[in-house]
Amino acid sequence: MADLREQLRAIIAEIAEIDDLSRITDDANLYKELGVDSMQALEIVLELEKRFNVAIPEAKLKEIKTFGDAVRVAKDAGAPD
């Protein structure tokens, strides 16, 4: 099974329609660099919660600006590495 980073990268790529996965680096800003909008961000979090059976508190959503932030928040919520 793919690790957390690979799965999250695939989720973001699918939802944001990004063909080049190499663009999704730890410091890539989801909004400014990858073109994710607020609805897509919510969709990404919901898919992450469903896939990893975790709950991400609403307050944590504001902390997710980069791919690395998304990985950290997912781990903090209990997603397996």
Protein backbone atom coordinates (compact mmCIF):
# COMPACT_ATOMS: atom_id res chain seq x y z
CA MET A 1 0.00 0.00 0.00
CA ALA A 2 1.22 3.50 -0.79
CA ASP A 3 2.36 5.62 2.11
CA LEU A 4 0.53 8.67 3.42
CA ARG A 5 2.48 11.15 1.28
CA GLU A 6 1.86 9.19 -1.93
CA GLN A 7 -1.84 8.76 -1.23
CA LEU A 8 -2.33 12.39 -0.23
CA ARG A 9 -0.39 13.54 -3.31
CA ALA A 10 -2.70 11.38 -5.47
CA ILE A 11 -5.84 12.78 -3.76
CA ILE A 12 -4.70 16.38 -4.34
CA ALA A 13 -3.70 15.66 -7.94
CA GLU A 14 -7.06 14.08 -8.71
CA ILE A 15 -9.20 16.76 -7.09
CA ALA A 16 -7.14 19.72 -8.34
CA GLU A 17 -6.62 18.08 -11.76
CA ILE A 18 -2.83 18.23 -11.59
CA ASP A 19 -1.09 16.01 -14.14
CA ASP A 20 2.50 16.57 -12.98
CA LEU A 21 2.80 15.06 -9.49
CA SER A 22 6.33 16.46 -9.15
CA ARG A 23 4.70 19.90 -8.66
CA ILE A 24 3.25 18.68 -5.34
CA THR A 25 6.30 19.19 -3.11
CA ASP A 26 6.34 19.68 0.67
CA ASP A 27 6.55 23.45 0.37
CA ALA A 28 4.16 23.82 -2.58
CA ASN A 29 1.38 26.22 -1.62
CA LEU A 30 -1.89 24.46 -2.36
CA TYR A 31 -3.70 27.66 -3.25
CA LYS A 32 -1.12 29.90 -4.92
CA GLU A 33 1.05 27.32 -6.67
CA LEU A 34 -1.28 24.39 -7.24
CA GLY A 35 -4.50 26.31 -7.91
CA VAL A 36 -6.62 24.59 -5.25
CA ASP A 37 -9.75 26.58 -4.38
CA SER A 38 -11.61 26.49 -1.05
CA MET A 39 -14.16 23.91 -2.21
CA GLN A 40 -11.41 21.62 -3.51
CA ALA A 41 -9.51 22.03 -0.23
CA LEU A 42 -12.58 20.87 1.66
CA GLU A 43 -13.01 17.97 -0.74
CA ILE A 44 -9.36 16.98 -0.17
CA VAL A 45 -9.82 17.00 3.62
CA LEU A 46 -13.06 14.98 3.39
CA GLU A 47 -11.39 12.38 1.17
CA LEU A 48 -8.41 12.23 3.53
CA GLU A 49 -10.74 11.70 6.51
CA LYS A 50 -12.63 8.97 4.67
CA ARG A 51 -9.59 7.16 3.32
CA PHE A 52 -7.65 7.15 6.60
CA ASN A 53 -10.65 6.98 8.96
CA VAL A 54 -9.58 10.08 10.88
CA ALA A 55 -11.30 13.30 11.95
CA ILE A 56 -9.59 16.61 11.29
CA PRO A 57 -10.85 19.39 13.56
CA GLU A 58 -12.15 22.46 11.74
CA ALA A 59 -9.61 24.66 13.54
CA LYS A 60 -6.78 22.65 11.93
CA LEU A 61 -8.00 23.47 8.42
CA LYS A 62 -6.54 26.96 8.68
CA GLU A 63 -3.09 25.42 9.26
CA ILE A 64 -3.08 23.70 5.86
CA LYS A 65 -1.36 25.96 3.37
CA THR A 66 1.23 23.62 1.83
CA PHE A 67 1.42 19.93 0.99
CA GLY A 68 3.76 19.47 3.97
CA ASP A 69 1.14 21.10 6.23
CA ALA A 70 -1.49 18.68 4.93
CA VAL A 71 0.75 15.70 5.70
CA ARG A 72 1.46 16.99 9.22
CA VAL A 73 -2.21 17.65 9.99
CA ALA A 74 -3.14 14.19 8.69
CA LYS A 75 -0.47 12.58 10.89
CA ASP A 76 -1.60 14.63 13.90
CA ALA A 77 -5.15 13.34 13.31
CA GLY A 78 -3.87 9.76 13.42
CA ALA A 79 -3.38 8.87 9.75
CA PRO A 80 -0.81 6.08 9.39
CA ASP A 81 2.51 7.10 7.88
